[in-house]
Amino acid sequence: MKKTVIIAAAGSGSRLGFGLPKCLVKIGGHAIFEYQLKAFEWADDIRIVVGYQAETVVRKISAVAPNVKFIHNKMFSTTNLRQSYFLGAQGVTEKAIFLDGDTIIGRTASNTLFTACELQEDFIAVTRSKTADPIYTGILKGNVQWFSYTTPSEYELANAAFLAPEKLEYENTLFYKQLEKYLPTKAVLVDTLEIDTPKDLAYAEHQVAACPSEYDFWR
């Protein structure tokens, strides 16, 4: 069973305001993409969808991971995460993990996702609510039941899911809207760090420094 991870990293990271793709933002001395590559060392195929500053992203990632495949979203300025996933999944015939390029995965979360993939059952990754602008997630009996920006929940979407590529559509709507079509879906609880805003970044920097056993893959 081939394990494929598709990472969407085509956006400009405008809310963070650094003027570079979020996957290149450094936390604890390492770029976000470095944490992702370490976390998914068990994957057979890693695909990264690039767009904004694509040449820089490809050069920096290839320097440390020459086997990564790159898919170019040439319409990155007018498309979204869901459309990048669709492009990245072209040619993939088995279920894959779809992950946002601004999300740090630690050791425990990596192991949890590996185990969940082994079961070959669709799942949506959720985390305890912590980001500045969460997509709240309702869970009942181990399954995701709903998403909401306005109804508070203990959990939020962790911007990762495991599903068959044919379930994706090339539409300019948010990824959770795609996932809503298949609810209820199994929830997998992971501790991830999503970096959308300066507040998220400060929180992630604190967590990475405070939990080296989780995030320091280079020790």
C-alpha atoms as a PDB file:
ATOM      1  CA  MET A   1       0.000   0.000   0.000  1.00  0.00           C
ATOM      2  CA  LYS A   2       1.596   3.225  -1.190  1.00  0.00           C
ATOM      3  CA  LYS A   3       1.490   6.174   1.175  1.00  0.00           C
ATOM      4  CA  THR A   4       1.083   9.530  -0.563  1.00  0.00           C
ATOM      5  CA  VAL A   5       1.091  12.989   1.005  1.00  0.00           C
ATOM      6  CA  ILE A   6      -0.069  16.010  -1.007  1.00  0.00           C
ATOM      7  CA  ILE A   7       0.884  19.383   0.459  1.00  0.00           C
ATOM      8  CA  ALA A   8      -0.660  22.633  -0.786  1.00  0.00           C
ATOM      9  CA  ALA A   9       1.933  25.415  -0.598  1.00  0.00           C
ATOM     10  CA  ALA A  10       0.936  27.686  -3.485  1.00  0.00           C
ATOM     11  CA  GLY A  11      -0.403  30.660  -1.505  1.00  0.00           C
ATOM     12  CA  SER A  12       1.294  33.954  -0.730  1.00  0.00           C
ATOM     13  CA  GLY A  13       0.794  33.905   3.042  1.00  0.00           C
ATOM     14  CA  SER A  14      -0.671  37.407   2.974  1.00  0.00           C
ATOM     15  CA  ARG A  15      -2.227  37.216   6.452  1.00  0.00           C
ATOM     16  CA  LEU A  16       1.148  36.441   7.988  1.00  0.00           C
ATOM     17  CA  GLY A  17       2.691  39.388   6.178  1.00  0.00           C
ATOM     18  CA  PHE A  18       6.228  38.087   5.602  1.00  0.00           C
ATOM     19  CA  GLY A  19       6.152  38.417   1.840  1.00  0.00           C
ATOM     20  CA  LEU A  20       7.065  34.772   1.282  1.00  0.00           C
ATOM     21  CA  PRO A  21       5.209  31.454   1.153  1.00  0.00           C
ATOM     22  CA  LYS A  22       4.389  30.192   4.632  1.00  0.00           C
ATOM     23  CA  CYS A  23       6.124  26.885   3.996  1.00  0.00           C
ATOM     24  CA  LEU A  24       9.424  28.832   4.002  1.00  0.00           C
ATOM     25  CA  VAL A  25       8.772  30.618   7.298  1.00  0.00           C
ATOM     26  CA  LYS A  26      11.261  29.511   9.925  1.00  0.00           C
ATOM     27  CA  ILE A  27      10.290  28.430  13.425  1.00  0.00           C
ATOM     28  CA  GLY A  28      12.927  27.213  15.846  1.00  0.00           C
ATOM     29  CA  GLY A  29      15.555  27.573  13.136  1.00  0.00           C
ATOM     30  CA  HIS A  30      13.774  25.375  10.577  1.00  0.00           C
ATOM     31  CA  ALA A  31      11.309  26.134   7.797  1.00  0.00           C
ATOM     32  CA  ILE A  32       7.779  24.744   8.092  1.00  0.00           C
ATOM     33  CA  PHE A  33       8.363  22.473   5.091  1.00  0.00           C
ATOM     34  CA  GLU A  34      11.313  20.887   6.929  1.00  0.00           C
ATOM     35  CA  TYR A  35       9.055  19.839   9.801  1.00  0.00           C
ATOM     36  CA  GLN A  36       6.598  18.366   7.321  1.00  0.00           C
ATOM     37  CA  LEU A  37       9.241  16.390   5.438  1.00  0.00           C
ATOM     38  CA  LYS A  38      10.593  14.970   8.702  1.00  0.00           C
ATOM     39  CA  ALA A  39       7.108  14.107   9.940  1.00  0.00           C
ATOM     40  CA  PHE A  40       6.298  12.246   6.733  1.00  0.00           C
ATOM     41  CA  GLU A  41       9.552  10.371   6.250  1.00  0.00           C
ATOM     42  CA  TRP A  42       7.397   7.248   6.210  1.00  0.00           C
ATOM     43  CA  ALA A  43       5.589   8.393   3.046  1.00  0.00           C
ATOM     44  CA  ASP A  44       6.421   6.787  -0.311  1.00  0.00           C
ATOM     45  CA  ASP A  45       5.406   9.812  -2.365  1.00  0.00           C
ATOM     46  CA  ILE A  46       5.377  13.468  -1.266  1.00  0.00           C
ATOM     47  CA  ARG A  47       3.890  15.989  -3.666  1.00  0.00           C
ATOM     48  CA  ILE A  48       4.011  19.721  -3.044  1.00  0.00           C
ATOM     49  CA  VAL A  49       1.833  22.144  -4.992  1.00  0.00           C
ATOM     50  CA  VAL A  50       3.661  25.433  -5.547  1.00  0.00           C
ATOM     51  CA  GLY A  51       2.617  28.789  -6.952  1.00  0.00           C
ATOM     52  CA  TYR A  52       3.762  32.017  -5.276  1.00  0.00           C
ATOM     53  CA  GLN A  53       7.563  32.315  -5.545  1.00  0.00           C
ATOM     54  CA  ALA A  54       7.537  28.794  -6.983  1.00  0.00           C
ATOM     55  CA  GLU A  55      11.160  28.800  -8.132  1.00  0.00           C
ATOM     56  CA  THR A  56      12.404  29.712  -4.663  1.00  0.00           C
ATOM     57  CA  VAL A  57      10.214  27.101  -2.985  1.00  0.00           C
ATOM     58  CA  VAL A  58      11.296  24.353  -5.394  1.00  0.00           C
ATOM     59  CA  ARG A  59      14.977  25.255  -5.009  1.00  0.00           C
ATOM     60  CA  LYS A  60      14.940  25.281  -1.215  1.00  0.00           C
ATOM     61  CA  ILE A  61      12.937  22.083  -0.819  1.00  0.00           C
ATOM     62  CA  SER A  62      14.863  20.200  -3.508  1.00  0.00           C
ATOM     63  CA  ALA A  63      18.106  21.045  -1.743  1.00  0.00           C
ATOM     64  CA  VAL A  64      17.080  18.882   1.215  1.00  0.00           C
ATOM     65  CA  ALA A  65      14.569  16.500  -0.420  1.00  0.00           C
ATOM     66  CA  PRO A  66      15.406  15.813  -4.089  1.00  0.00           C
ATOM     67  CA  ASN A  67      12.718  13.118  -4.399  1.00  0.00           C
ATOM     68  CA  VAL A  68       9.792  15.453  -3.705  1.00  0.00           C
ATOM     69  CA  LYS A  69       7.501  15.942  -6.696  1.00  0.00           C
ATOM     70  CA  PHE A  70       6.335  19.471  -7.507  1.00  0.00           C
ATOM     71  CA  ILE A  71       3.075  20.446  -9.160  1.00  0.00           C
ATOM     72  CA  HIS A  72       2.697  24.037 -10.331  1.00  0.00           C
ATOM     73  CA  ASN A  73      -0.554  25.884  -9.700  1.00  0.00           C
ATOM     74  CA  LYS A  74      -0.098  28.660 -12.229  1.00  0.00           C
ATOM     75  CA  MET A  75      -3.410  30.218 -11.174  1.00  0.00           C
ATOM     76  CA  PHE A  76      -2.421  30.433  -7.500  1.00  0.00           C
ATOM     77  CA  SER A  77      -3.513  34.061  -7.155  1.00  0.00           C
ATOM     78  CA  THR A  78      -7.131  33.277  -8.061  1.00  0.00           C
ATOM     79  CA  THR A  79      -7.487  29.695  -6.819  1.00  0.00           C
ATOM     80  CA  ASN A  80      -7.530  28.145  -3.362  1.00  0.00           C
ATOM     81  CA  LEU A  81      -6.400  25.218  -1.230  1.00  0.00           C
ATOM     82  CA  ARG A  82      -9.030  22.883  -2.613  1.00  0.00           C
ATOM     83  CA  GLN A  83      -7.986  23.529  -6.191  1.00  0.00           C
ATOM     84  CA  SER A  84      -4.316  23.018  -5.331  1.00  0.00           C
ATOM     85  CA  TYR A  85      -5.189  19.658  -3.798  1.00  0.00           C
ATOM     86  CA  PHE A  86      -7.052  18.707  -6.947  1.00  0.00           C
ATOM     87  CA  LEU A  87      -4.019  19.545  -9.093  1.00  0.00           C
ATOM     88  CA  GLY A  88      -1.631  17.736  -6.769  1.00  0.00           C
ATOM     89  CA  ALA A  89      -3.739  14.582  -6.842  1.00  0.00           C
ATOM     90  CA  GLN A  90      -3.684  14.169 -10.607  1.00  0.00           C
ATOM     91  CA  GLY A  91      -2.365  10.698 -11.415  1.00  0.00           C
ATOM     92  CA  VAL A  92      -2.748   9.451  -7.834  1.00  0.00           C
ATOM     93  CA  THR A  93      -4.861   6.293  -7.774  1.00  0.00           C
ATOM     94  CA  GLU A  94      -4.897   5.472  -4.053  1.00  0.00           C
ATOM     95  CA  LYS A  95      -6.075   7.389  -1.020  1.00  0.00           C
ATOM     96  CA  ALA A  96      -3.745  10.149   0.109  1.00  0.00           C
ATOM     97  CA  ILE A  97      -3.194  12.583   2.953  1.00  0.00           C
ATOM     98  CA  PHE A  98      -3.981  16.163   1.969  1.00  0.00           C
ATOM     99  CA  LEU A  99      -2.227  18.771   4.125  1.00  0.00           C
ATOM    100  CA  ASP A 100      -1.921  22.543   4.167  1.00  0.00           C
ATOM    101  CA  GLY A 101       1.619  23.847   3.709  1.00  0.00           C
ATOM    102  CA  ASP A 102       1.393  26.058   6.801  1.00  0.00           C
ATOM    103  CA  THR A 103       0.908  23.231   9.311  1.00  0.00           C
ATOM    104  CA  ILE A 104       3.595  21.743  11.553  1.00  0.00           C
ATOM    105  CA  ILE A 105       3.266  18.066  12.432  1.00  0.00           C
ATOM    106  CA  GLY A 106       5.107  16.741  15.486  1.00  0.00           C
ATOM    107  CA  ARG A 107       6.329  13.213  16.234  1.00  0.00           C
ATOM    108  CA  THR A 108       3.177  12.028  17.993  1.00  0.00           C
ATOM    109  CA  ALA A 109       0.901  13.436  15.291  1.00  0.00           C
ATOM    110  CA  SER A 110       3.087  11.823  12.624  1.00  0.00           C
ATOM    111  CA  ASN A 111       2.719   8.419  14.283  1.00  0.00           C
ATOM    112  CA  THR A 112      -1.026   8.911  14.692  1.00  0.00           C
ATOM    113  CA  LEU A 113      -1.481   9.766  11.023  1.00  0.00           C
ATOM    114  CA  PHE A 114       0.661   6.809   9.947  1.00  0.00           C
ATOM    115  CA  THR A 115      -1.463   4.412  12.005  1.00  0.00           C
ATOM    116  CA  ALA A 116      -4.690   5.938  10.668  1.00  0.00           C
ATOM    117  CA  CYS A 117      -3.475   5.619   7.067  1.00  0.00           C
ATOM    118  CA  GLU A 118      -2.700   1.957   7.609  1.00  0.00           C
ATOM    119  CA  LEU A 119      -6.401   1.339   8.286  1.00  0.00           C
ATOM    120  CA  GLN A 120      -7.292   2.764   4.835  1.00  0.00           C
ATOM    121  CA  GLU A 121     -10.416   4.426   6.220  1.00  0.00           C
ATOM    122  CA  ASP A 122     -11.251   8.016   5.269  1.00  0.00           C
ATOM    123  CA  PHE A 123     -10.548  10.451   8.079  1.00  0.00           C
ATOM    124  CA  ILE A 124     -10.430  14.143   8.876  1.00  0.00           C
ATOM    125  CA  ALA A 125      -7.692  15.387  11.191  1.00  0.00           C
ATOM    126  CA  VAL A 126      -8.858  17.623  14.017  1.00  0.00           C
ATOM    127  CA  THR A 127      -6.988  19.411  16.768  1.00  0.00           C
ATOM    128  CA  ARG A 128      -7.977  21.197  19.957  1.00  0.00           C
ATOM    129  CA  SER A 129      -9.050  24.764  19.150  1.00  0.00           C
ATOM    130  CA  LYS A 130      -6.132  27.134  19.351  1.00  0.00           C
ATOM    131  CA  THR A 131      -5.725  29.207  16.169  1.00  0.00           C
ATOM    132  CA  ALA A 132      -6.771  32.818  15.669  1.00  0.00           C
ATOM    133  CA  ASP A 133      -9.411  32.000  13.044  1.00  0.00           C
ATOM    134  CA  PRO A 134     -10.543  28.376  13.540  1.00  0.00           C
ATOM    135  CA  ILE A 135     -12.958  26.284  11.536  1.00  0.00           C
ATOM    136  CA  TYR A 136     -14.746  24.731  14.497  1.00  0.00           C
ATOM    137  CA  THR A 137     -15.491  21.028  14.216  1.00  0.00           C
ATOM    138  CA  GLY A 138     -18.294  19.095  15.861  1.00  0.00           C
ATOM    139  CA  ILE A 139     -17.521  15.498  16.819  1.00  0.00           C
ATOM    140  CA  LEU A 140     -19.964  12.813  17.888  1.00  0.00           C
ATOM    141  CA  LYS A 141     -19.153   9.133  18.446  1.00  0.00           C
ATOM    142  CA  GLY A 142     -15.711   9.559  16.930  1.00  0.00           C
ATOM    143  CA  ASN A 143     -16.945  11.153  13.709  1.00  0.00           C
ATOM    144  CA  VAL A 144     -16.825  14.708  12.391  1.00  0.00           C
ATOM    145  CA  GLN A 145     -20.433  15.861  12.088  1.00  0.00           C
ATOM    146  CA  TRP A 146     -20.172  19.548  11.164  1.00  0.00           C
ATOM    147  CA  PHE A 147     -17.921  22.560  10.543  1.00  0.00           C
ATOM    148  CA  SER A 148     -18.604  26.156  11.558  1.00  0.00           C
ATOM    149  CA  TYR A 149     -16.883  29.517  11.831  1.00  0.00           C
ATOM    150  CA  THR A 150     -19.421  30.752  14.392  1.00  0.00           C
ATOM    151  CA  THR A 151     -20.461  27.793  16.575  1.00  0.00           C
ATOM    152  CA  PRO A 152     -17.687  27.244  19.136  1.00  0.00           C
ATOM    153  CA  SER A 153     -16.311  23.773  19.698  1.00  0.00           C
ATOM    154  CA  GLU A 154     -13.486  22.175  21.633  1.00  0.00           C
ATOM    155  CA  TYR A 155     -12.042  21.114  18.271  1.00  0.00           C
ATOM    156  CA  GLU A 156     -11.076  22.701  14.978  1.00  0.00           C
ATOM    157  CA  LEU A 157     -10.149  21.383  11.544  1.00  0.00           C
ATOM    158  CA  ALA A 158      -6.430  20.569  11.451  1.00  0.00           C
ATOM    159  CA  ASN A 159      -6.279  21.163   7.679  1.00  0.00           C
ATOM    160  CA  ALA A 160      -5.477  17.542   6.946  1.00  0.00           C
ATOM    161  CA  ALA A 161      -7.594  14.708   5.620  1.00  0.00           C
ATOM    162  CA  PHE A 162      -7.191  11.230   4.158  1.00  0.00           C
ATOM    163  CA  LEU A 163      -9.411  10.417   1.215  1.00  0.00           C
ATOM    164  CA  ALA A 164      -9.531   9.191  -2.361  1.00  0.00           C
ATOM    165  CA  PRO A 165      -8.497  11.771  -4.988  1.00  0.00           C
ATOM    166  CA  GLU A 166     -11.686  11.190  -6.979  1.00  0.00           C
ATOM    167  CA  LYS A 167     -13.634  12.801  -4.138  1.00  0.00           C
ATOM    168  CA  LEU A 168     -12.027  16.142  -4.948  1.00  0.00           C
ATOM    169  CA  GLU A 169     -13.493  18.661  -7.352  1.00  0.00           C
ATOM    170  CA  TYR A 170     -11.831  21.655  -8.959  1.00  0.00           C
ATOM    171  CA  GLU A 171     -14.023  24.335  -7.429  1.00  0.00           C
ATOM    172  CA  ASN A 172     -13.193  27.724  -5.947  1.00  0.00           C
ATOM    173  CA  THR A 173     -14.622  26.995  -2.509  1.00  0.00           C
ATOM    174  CA  LEU A 174     -12.984  26.187   0.806  1.00  0.00           C
ATOM    175  CA  PHE A 175     -11.658  22.694   1.455  1.00  0.00           C
ATOM    176  CA  TYR A 176     -14.000  22.076   4.366  1.00  0.00           C
ATOM    177  CA  LYS A 177     -16.913  22.602   1.972  1.00  0.00           C
ATOM    178  CA  GLN A 178     -15.636  19.620   0.004  1.00  0.00           C
ATOM    179  CA  LEU A 179     -15.330  17.556   3.176  1.00  0.00           C
ATOM    180  CA  GLU A 180     -18.865  18.465   4.258  1.00  0.00           C
ATOM    181  CA  LYS A 181     -20.240  16.382   1.398  1.00  0.00           C
ATOM    182  CA  TYR A 182     -18.891  13.234   3.037  1.00  0.00           C
ATOM    183  CA  LEU A 183     -19.872  13.803   6.665  1.00  0.00           C
ATOM    184  CA  PRO A 184     -20.002  12.042   9.009  1.00  0.00           C
ATOM    185  CA  THR A 185     -16.365  11.034   8.586  1.00  0.00           C
ATOM    186  CA  LYS A 186     -13.995   9.516  11.101  1.00  0.00           C
ATOM    187  CA  ALA A 187     -12.149  12.087  13.230  1.00  0.00           C
ATOM    188  CA  VAL A 188      -8.461  11.628  14.034  1.00  0.00           C
ATOM    189  CA  LEU A 189      -7.235  13.838  16.859  1.00  0.00           C
ATOM    190  CA  VAL A 190      -3.727  15.223  16.386  1.00  0.00           C
ATOM    191  CA  ASP A 191      -1.751  18.057  17.931  1.00  0.00           C
ATOM    192  CA  THR A 192      -0.727  20.312  15.053  1.00  0.00           C
ATOM    193  CA  LEU A 193       0.429  23.903  14.726  1.00  0.00           C
ATOM    194  CA  GLU A 194      -1.203  25.917  11.955  1.00  0.00           C
ATOM    195  CA  ILE A 195       0.391  29.263  11.144  1.00  0.00           C
ATOM    196  CA  ASP A 196      -1.978  31.722   9.485  1.00  0.00           C
ATOM    197  CA  THR A 197      -1.439  34.909  11.491  1.00  0.00           C
ATOM    198  CA  PRO A 198       1.287  36.546  13.632  1.00  0.00           C
ATOM    199  CA  LYS A 199      -0.589  35.299  16.711  1.00  0.00           C
ATOM    200  CA  ASP A 200      -0.487  31.724  15.393  1.00  0.00           C
ATOM    201  CA  LEU A 201       3.225  32.132  14.676  1.00  0.00           C
ATOM    202  CA  ALA A 202       3.971  33.314  18.212  1.00  0.00           C
ATOM    203  CA  TYR A 203       2.069  30.358  19.640  1.00  0.00           C
ATOM    204  CA  ALA A 204       3.897  27.919  17.355  1.00  0.00           C
ATOM    205  CA  GLU A 205       7.288  29.362  18.283  1.00  0.00           C
ATOM    206  CA  HIS A 206       6.467  28.903  21.961  1.00  0.00           C
ATOM    207  CA  GLN A 207       5.283  25.323  21.496  1.00  0.00           C
ATOM    208  CA  VAL A 208       8.266  24.274  19.390  1.00  0.00           C
ATOM    209  CA  ALA A 209      10.668  25.707  21.986  1.00  0.00           C
ATOM    210  CA  ALA A 210       8.748  24.201  24.919  1.00  0.00           C
ATOM    211  CA  CYS A 211       8.343  20.694  23.439  1.00  0.00           C
ATOM    212  CA  PRO A 212      11.627  19.664  21.807  1.00  0.00           C
ATOM    213  CA  SER A 213      10.773  15.966  22.185  1.00  0.00           C
ATOM    214  CA  GLU A 214       7.853  16.570  19.816  1.00  0.00           C
ATOM    215  CA  TYR A 215       9.207  19.002  17.289  1.00  0.00           C
ATOM    216  CA  ASP A 216      12.991  18.820  17.252  1.00  0.00           C
ATOM    217  CA  PHE A 217      13.499  16.111  14.628  1.00  0.00           C
ATOM    218  CA  TRP A 218      17.149  17.111  14.322  1.00  0.00           C
ATOM    219  CA  ARG A 219      18.289  16.184  17.832  1.00  0.00           C
END
